[in-house]
Amino acid sequence: MQLEELWKVGDVIENEYEVLQILGGPRRSSMGIVYVLRNKDTKRVEAAKTYQLSIESDTTETRKRFKDEARIWNGLKGHPNIVDPGGVLEFAGLPFMMSEFAEGGDLGMAISNARFVNNLEEVCDLGMQF
C-alpha cells in the first residue's frame, strides 16, 4: 500500500484525529508527508510526519533513521525557529512524528517570496538564526 493512499482529507484516524490537510507527498516534497490533524478530544491542531513509502521502503533501517531524527529533533525542543515535537506515535503500522502545527508555510515559501528577497534586513535576520 502506498502511504499517500492511506488517508484523505476528512478521514478520522483511530477515532481520535480528523485529517484536515495533507502537505508534501508525491511530486510535492522530497521524502516526507505531513498530515495536519485535529485531535477530536482537545481540538488541538497537530502535524503528523512520516516518510513516503514510494521513496523509502519500510525497513528496520528506515524506522531506525526515522526514530533517530525524532530523538534529535526532541533535543531541539524550545528552539524559537523549530516547532516543538510531540513524540512518536504509530498509525497503520507506521511511525509518525507528532508536533504542534505552525501556520504560515515553510522556509522555501518564505525565501521565494519577492517581498522577502528584496528585504535585506529580513534576509540577514533569518540568516543569523542558523
N, C-alpha and C. Protein backbone atom coordinates (compact mmCIF):
# COMPACT_ATOMS: atom_id res chain seq x y z
N MET A 1 0.84 -1.18 0.00
CA MET A 1 0.00 0.00 0.00
C MET A 1 0.89 1.25 0.00
N GLN A 2 0.57 2.20 -0.85
CA GLN A 2 1.28 3.48 -0.86
C GLN A 2 0.71 4.33 0.28
N LEU A 3 1.58 5.03 1.03
CA LEU A 3 1.12 5.83 2.14
C LEU A 3 0.15 6.92 1.68
N GLU A 4 0.43 7.48 0.50
CA GLU A 4 -0.44 8.54 0.01
C GLU A 4 -1.87 8.05 -0.21
N GLU A 5 -2.09 6.74 -0.21
CA GLU A 5 -3.43 6.17 -0.33
C GLU A 5 -4.02 5.89 1.05
N LEU A 6 -3.27 6.10 2.09
CA LEU A 6 -3.69 5.74 3.43
C LEU A 6 -4.88 6.56 3.91
N TRP A 7 -4.78 7.89 3.87
CA TRP A 7 -5.85 8.75 4.34
C TRP A 7 -6.08 9.89 3.36
N LYS A 8 -7.25 10.47 3.43
CA LYS A 8 -7.56 11.67 2.66
C LYS A 8 -8.20 12.67 3.61
N VAL A 9 -8.28 13.92 3.17
CA VAL A 9 -8.89 14.96 3.99
C VAL A 9 -10.31 14.53 4.38
N GLY A 10 -10.61 14.67 5.66
CA GLY A 10 -11.92 14.29 6.18
C GLY A 10 -11.94 12.95 6.88
N ASP A 11 -10.94 12.10 6.63
CA ASP A 11 -10.88 10.80 7.30
C ASP A 11 -10.63 10.98 8.79
N VAL A 12 -11.07 10.02 9.58
CA VAL A 12 -10.83 10.01 11.03
C VAL A 12 -9.91 8.83 11.32
N ILE A 13 -8.82 9.12 12.03
CA ILE A 13 -7.80 8.12 12.34
C ILE A 13 -8.02 7.61 13.75
N GLU A 14 -8.21 6.31 13.88
CA GLU A 14 -8.37 5.65 15.18
C GLU A 14 -9.36 6.38 16.09
N ASN A 15 -10.39 6.92 15.49
CA ASN A 15 -11.46 7.62 16.21
C ASN A 15 -10.93 8.76 17.09
N GLU A 16 -9.74 9.27 16.77
CA GLU A 16 -9.13 10.30 17.62
C GLU A 16 -8.73 11.56 16.85
N TYR A 17 -8.28 11.40 15.59
CA TYR A 17 -7.78 12.53 14.82
C TYR A 17 -8.54 12.65 13.50
N GLU A 18 -8.92 13.88 13.14
CA GLU A 18 -9.53 14.14 11.84
C GLU A 18 -8.47 14.74 10.92
N VAL A 19 -8.34 14.23 9.71
CA VAL A 19 -7.37 14.75 8.74
C VAL A 19 -7.93 16.04 8.14
N LEU A 20 -7.19 17.15 8.35
CA LEU A 20 -7.60 18.46 7.85
C LEU A 20 -6.91 18.82 6.54
N GLN A 21 -5.67 18.37 6.40
CA GLN A 21 -4.87 18.79 5.26
C GLN A 21 -3.72 17.80 5.08
N ILE A 22 -3.22 17.67 3.85
CA ILE A 22 -2.06 16.81 3.59
C ILE A 22 -1.01 17.68 2.92
N LEU A 23 0.19 17.71 3.51
CA LEU A 23 1.30 18.51 2.99
C LEU A 23 2.41 17.58 2.53
N GLY A 24 3.06 17.94 1.47
CA GLY A 24 4.13 17.09 0.95
C GLY A 24 3.55 15.92 0.21
N GLY A 25 4.31 14.87 0.14
CA GLY A 25 3.87 13.69 -0.58
C GLY A 25 4.41 13.65 -1.99
N PRO A 26 3.93 12.73 -2.77
CA PRO A 26 4.46 12.51 -4.12
C PRO A 26 4.44 13.78 -4.97
N ARG A 27 5.57 14.03 -5.62
CA ARG A 27 5.75 15.16 -6.53
C ARG A 27 5.61 16.52 -5.85
N ARG A 28 5.52 16.56 -4.51
CA ARG A 28 5.41 17.83 -3.80
C ARG A 28 6.50 18.02 -2.75
N SER A 29 7.15 16.96 -2.35
CA SER A 29 8.23 17.07 -1.37
C SER A 29 9.24 15.97 -1.62
N SER A 30 10.39 16.09 -0.96
CA SER A 30 11.45 15.13 -1.23
C SER A 30 11.19 13.76 -0.61
N MET A 31 10.99 13.69 0.69
CA MET A 31 10.86 12.37 1.31
C MET A 31 9.68 12.25 2.25
N GLY A 32 9.22 13.34 2.84
CA GLY A 32 8.21 13.24 3.87
C GLY A 32 6.81 13.53 3.38
N ILE A 33 5.89 13.18 4.24
CA ILE A 33 4.49 13.54 4.05
C ILE A 33 3.96 13.92 5.42
N VAL A 34 3.23 15.02 5.47
CA VAL A 34 2.72 15.53 6.74
C VAL A 34 1.20 15.60 6.67
N TYR A 35 0.57 15.01 7.66
CA TYR A 35 -0.88 15.10 7.80
C TYR A 35 -1.16 16.13 8.89
N VAL A 36 -1.99 17.11 8.56
CA VAL A 36 -2.43 18.09 9.55
C VAL A 36 -3.72 17.52 10.14
N LEU A 37 -3.71 17.32 11.45
CA LEU A 37 -4.79 16.62 12.14
C LEU A 37 -5.40 17.47 13.24
N ARG A 38 -6.68 17.27 13.50
CA ARG A 38 -7.33 17.88 14.67
C ARG A 38 -7.65 16.76 15.64
N ASN A 39 -7.14 16.92 16.87
CA ASN A 39 -7.45 15.97 17.92
C ASN A 39 -8.92 16.18 18.30
N LYS A 40 -9.72 15.13 18.18
CA LYS A 40 -11.16 15.27 18.40
C LYS A 40 -11.49 15.62 19.85
N ASP A 41 -10.65 15.21 20.81
CA ASP A 41 -10.93 15.50 22.21
C ASP A 41 -10.49 16.90 22.61
N THR A 42 -9.24 17.24 22.27
CA THR A 42 -8.69 18.53 22.72
C THR A 42 -8.91 19.66 21.72
N LYS A 43 -9.31 19.32 20.49
CA LYS A 43 -9.49 20.29 19.39
C LYS A 43 -8.18 20.92 18.95
N ARG A 44 -7.06 20.45 19.48
CA ARG A 44 -5.74 20.96 19.11
C ARG A 44 -5.39 20.48 17.70
N VAL A 45 -4.83 21.40 16.89
CA VAL A 45 -4.37 21.04 15.56
C VAL A 45 -2.91 20.62 15.66
N GLU A 46 -2.60 19.45 15.14
CA GLU A 46 -1.26 18.88 15.23
C GLU A 46 -0.79 18.44 13.85
N ALA A 47 0.50 18.22 13.73
CA ALA A 47 1.08 17.69 12.50
C ALA A 47 1.63 16.30 12.78
N ALA A 48 1.45 15.40 11.83
CA ALA A 48 1.97 14.04 11.94
C ALA A 48 2.81 13.78 10.69
N LYS A 49 4.13 13.64 10.86
CA LYS A 49 5.04 13.46 9.74
C LYS A 49 5.54 12.02 9.69
N THR A 50 5.61 11.48 8.48
CA THR A 50 6.23 10.18 8.26
C THR A 50 6.93 10.20 6.90
N TYR A 51 7.52 9.09 6.53
CA TYR A 51 8.21 9.00 5.25
C TYR A 51 7.27 8.45 4.19
N GLN A 52 7.56 8.79 2.94
CA GLN A 52 6.76 8.30 1.82
C GLN A 52 7.21 6.89 1.46
N LEU A 53 6.28 5.97 1.45
CA LEU A 53 6.63 4.59 1.09
C LEU A 53 7.01 4.47 -0.37
N SER A 54 6.62 5.43 -1.20
CA SER A 54 7.01 5.38 -2.60
C SER A 54 8.49 5.74 -2.78
N ILE A 55 9.12 6.29 -1.72
CA ILE A 55 10.53 6.68 -1.78
C ILE A 55 11.37 5.82 -0.84
N GLU A 56 10.90 5.62 0.37
CA GLU A 56 11.62 4.84 1.38
C GLU A 56 10.86 3.53 1.63
N SER A 57 11.55 2.41 1.56
CA SER A 57 10.89 1.17 1.92
C SER A 57 10.80 1.09 3.44
N ASP A 58 9.78 0.42 3.93
CA ASP A 58 9.55 0.32 5.37
C ASP A 58 10.40 -0.81 5.93
N THR A 59 11.66 -0.49 6.24
CA THR A 59 12.60 -1.48 6.75
C THR A 59 13.00 -1.12 8.18
N THR A 60 13.68 -2.03 8.83
CA THR A 60 14.20 -1.76 10.17
C THR A 60 15.13 -0.56 10.14
N GLU A 61 15.97 -0.45 9.11
CA GLU A 61 16.91 0.68 8.99
C GLU A 61 16.17 2.00 8.80
N THR A 62 15.13 2.02 7.97
CA THR A 62 14.34 3.23 7.75
C THR A 62 13.70 3.68 9.06
N ARG A 63 13.12 2.74 9.79
CA ARG A 63 12.49 3.08 11.07
C ARG A 63 13.52 3.59 12.08
N LYS A 64 14.71 2.99 12.09
CA LYS A 64 15.77 3.45 13.00
C LYS A 64 16.17 4.89 12.67
N ARG A 65 16.38 5.18 11.38
CA ARG A 65 16.75 6.55 10.98
C ARG A 65 15.65 7.54 11.33
N PHE A 66 14.41 7.13 11.12
CA PHE A 66 13.27 7.99 11.42
C PHE A 66 13.20 8.29 12.92
N LYS A 67 13.37 7.25 13.73
CA LYS A 67 13.33 7.45 15.19
C LYS A 67 14.54 8.24 15.68
N ASP A 68 15.70 8.07 15.03
CA ASP A 68 16.88 8.88 15.36
C ASP A 68 16.59 10.36 15.07
N GLU A 69 15.96 10.62 13.92
CA GLU A 69 15.60 12.00 13.59
C GLU A 69 14.67 12.59 14.65
N ALA A 70 13.70 11.79 15.09
CA ALA A 70 12.76 12.25 16.12
C ALA A 70 13.49 12.55 17.43
N ARG A 71 14.44 11.69 17.79
CA ARG A 71 15.20 11.89 19.02
C ARG A 71 16.02 13.18 18.95
N ILE A 72 16.68 13.40 17.81
CA ILE A 72 17.49 14.61 17.62
C ILE A 72 16.59 15.85 17.66
N TRP A 73 15.46 15.78 16.97
CA TRP A 73 14.50 16.88 16.94
C TRP A 73 14.02 17.19 18.36
N ASN A 74 13.76 16.15 19.15
CA ASN A 74 13.31 16.35 20.53
C ASN A 74 14.35 17.11 21.35
N GLY A 75 15.63 16.90 21.02
CA GLY A 75 16.70 17.62 21.71
C GLY A 75 16.74 19.10 21.38
N LEU A 76 16.06 19.50 20.32
CA LEU A 76 16.00 20.92 19.93
C LEU A 76 14.75 21.61 20.46
N LYS A 77 14.00 20.92 21.29
CA LYS A 77 12.75 21.47 21.83
C LYS A 77 13.01 22.83 22.47
N GLY A 78 12.15 23.77 22.15
CA GLY A 78 12.28 25.11 22.71
C GLY A 78 13.02 26.08 21.80
N HIS A 79 13.59 25.59 20.69
CA HIS A 79 14.28 26.48 19.74
C HIS A 79 13.22 27.39 19.14
N PRO A 80 13.49 28.70 19.04
CA PRO A 80 12.46 29.63 18.57
C PRO A 80 12.05 29.45 17.11
N ASN A 81 12.84 28.73 16.32
CA ASN A 81 12.53 28.58 14.90
C ASN A 81 12.14 27.17 14.49
N ILE A 82 11.88 26.32 15.47
CA ILE A 82 11.51 24.93 15.19
C ILE A 82 10.26 24.59 16.00
N VAL A 83 9.27 23.99 15.34
CA VAL A 83 8.07 23.59 16.08
C VAL A 83 8.43 22.55 17.13
N ASP A 84 7.73 22.59 18.24
CA ASP A 84 8.01 21.65 19.32
C ASP A 84 7.51 20.25 18.96
N PRO A 85 8.35 19.25 19.21
CA PRO A 85 7.95 17.87 18.94
C PRO A 85 6.94 17.38 19.96
N GLY A 86 6.19 16.36 19.57
CA GLY A 86 5.20 15.80 20.48
C GLY A 86 5.34 14.31 20.65
N GLY A 87 6.45 13.75 20.24
CA GLY A 87 6.67 12.32 20.39
C GLY A 87 6.38 11.55 19.12
N VAL A 88 6.59 10.25 19.18
CA VAL A 88 6.36 9.37 18.04
C VAL A 88 5.19 8.45 18.36
N LEU A 89 4.20 8.44 17.47
CA LEU A 89 3.06 7.54 17.59
C LEU A 89 3.06 6.62 16.37
N GLU A 90 2.35 5.51 16.48
CA GLU A 90 2.25 4.60 15.34
C GLU A 90 0.80 4.52 14.90
N PHE A 91 0.59 4.74 13.59
CA PHE A 91 -0.72 4.60 12.97
C PHE A 91 -0.55 3.68 11.77
N ALA A 92 -1.48 2.79 11.56
CA ALA A 92 -1.46 1.90 10.40
C ALA A 92 -0.12 1.19 10.24
N GLY A 93 0.54 0.92 11.38
CA GLY A 93 1.80 0.20 11.35
C GLY A 93 3.02 1.03 10.99
N LEU A 94 2.86 2.35 10.87
CA LEU A 94 3.99 3.23 10.51
C LEU A 94 4.24 4.25 11.62
N PRO A 95 5.52 4.62 11.83
CA PRO A 95 5.81 5.65 12.83
C PRO A 95 5.51 7.04 12.31
N PHE A 96 4.98 7.90 13.17
CA PHE A 96 4.69 9.29 12.84
C PHE A 96 5.27 10.18 13.93
N MET A 97 6.01 11.22 13.51
CA MET A 97 6.48 12.23 14.45
C MET A 97 5.36 13.25 14.61
N MET A 98 4.90 13.41 15.82
CA MET A 98 3.82 14.35 16.11
C MET A 98 4.43 15.68 16.55
N SER A 99 3.74 16.77 16.22
CA SER A 99 4.21 18.08 16.65
C SER A 99 3.05 19.06 16.65
N GLU A 100 3.32 20.22 17.23
CA GLU A 100 2.36 21.30 17.07
C GLU A 100 2.34 21.65 15.58
N PHE A 101 1.27 22.25 15.13
CA PHE A 101 1.20 22.69 13.73
C PHE A 101 1.34 24.20 13.69
N ALA A 102 2.29 24.67 12.90
CA ALA A 102 2.52 26.11 12.77
C ALA A 102 2.03 26.55 11.39
N GLU A 103 1.10 27.48 11.38
CA GLU A 103 0.58 28.03 10.12
C GLU A 103 1.64 28.89 9.47
N GLY A 104 1.51 29.10 8.18
CA GLY A 104 2.35 30.11 7.55
C GLY A 104 3.30 29.60 6.49
N GLY A 105 3.34 28.33 6.22
CA GLY A 105 4.22 27.85 5.17
C GLY A 105 5.59 27.46 5.68
N ASP A 106 6.45 27.12 4.73
CA ASP A 106 7.78 26.66 5.09
C ASP A 106 8.84 27.66 4.64
N LEU A 107 10.08 27.35 4.94
CA LEU A 107 11.19 28.24 4.61
C LEU A 107 11.29 28.45 3.11
N GLY A 108 11.07 27.41 2.32
CA GLY A 108 11.13 27.53 0.86
C GLY A 108 10.13 28.55 0.34
N MET A 109 8.93 28.54 0.91
CA MET A 109 7.91 29.51 0.50
C MET A 109 8.35 30.92 0.88
N ALA A 110 8.92 31.06 2.07
CA ALA A 110 9.31 32.38 2.54
C ALA A 110 10.41 32.99 1.68
N ILE A 111 11.42 32.21 1.37
CA ILE A 111 12.55 32.80 0.64
C ILE A 111 12.27 32.98 -0.84
N SER A 112 11.19 32.37 -1.34
CA SER A 112 10.84 32.59 -2.75
C SER A 112 9.91 33.78 -2.92
N ASN A 113 9.47 34.35 -1.81
CA ASN A 113 8.57 35.50 -1.84
C ASN A 113 9.37 36.75 -2.20
N ALA A 114 8.96 37.46 -3.23
CA ALA A 114 9.69 38.65 -3.70
C ALA A 114 9.84 39.70 -2.59
N ARG A 115 8.80 39.84 -1.74
CA ARG A 115 8.87 40.82 -0.65
C ARG A 115 10.03 40.48 0.29
N PHE A 116 10.22 39.19 0.54
CA PHE A 116 11.29 38.75 1.42
C PHE A 116 12.65 38.96 0.76
N VAL A 117 12.77 38.53 -0.49
CA VAL A 117 14.04 38.59 -1.20
C VAL A 117 14.55 40.03 -1.30
N ASN A 118 13.64 40.97 -1.42
CA ASN A 118 14.02 42.38 -1.57
C ASN A 118 14.16 43.10 -0.23
N ASN A 119 14.09 42.37 0.88
CA ASN A 119 14.19 42.98 2.20
C ASN A 119 15.47 42.48 2.87
N LEU A 120 16.54 43.21 2.70
CA LEU A 120 17.85 42.79 3.21
C LEU A 120 17.84 42.56 4.72
N GLU A 121 17.12 43.38 5.46
CA GLU A 121 17.07 43.23 6.92
C GLU A 121 16.45 41.88 7.30
N GLU A 122 15.37 41.50 6.62
CA GLU A 122 14.72 40.22 6.91
C GLU A 122 15.62 39.05 6.51
N VAL A 123 16.29 39.17 5.38
CA VAL A 123 17.20 38.12 4.91
C VAL A 123 18.32 37.91 5.93
N CYS A 124 18.92 39.02 6.39
CA CYS A 124 20.01 38.93 7.38
C CYS A 124 19.52 38.36 8.70
N ASP A 125 18.32 38.78 9.13
CA ASP A 125 17.76 38.28 10.38
C ASP A 125 17.57 36.77 10.33
N LEU A 126 17.04 36.28 9.22
CA LEU A 126 16.85 34.83 9.08
C LEU A 126 18.20 34.12 9.05
N GLY A 127 19.16 34.66 8.30
CA GLY A 127 20.48 34.04 8.21
C GLY A 127 21.19 33.96 9.55
N MET A 128 20.99 34.94 10.41
CA MET A 128 21.65 34.95 11.72
C MET A 128 21.06 33.91 12.67
N GLN A 129 19.88 33.41 12.36
CA GLN A 129 19.22 32.46 13.25
C GLN A 129 19.77 31.05 13.10
N PHE A 130 20.55 30.79 12.06
CA PHE A 130 21.03 29.44 11.80
C PHE A 130 22.51 29.33 11.94
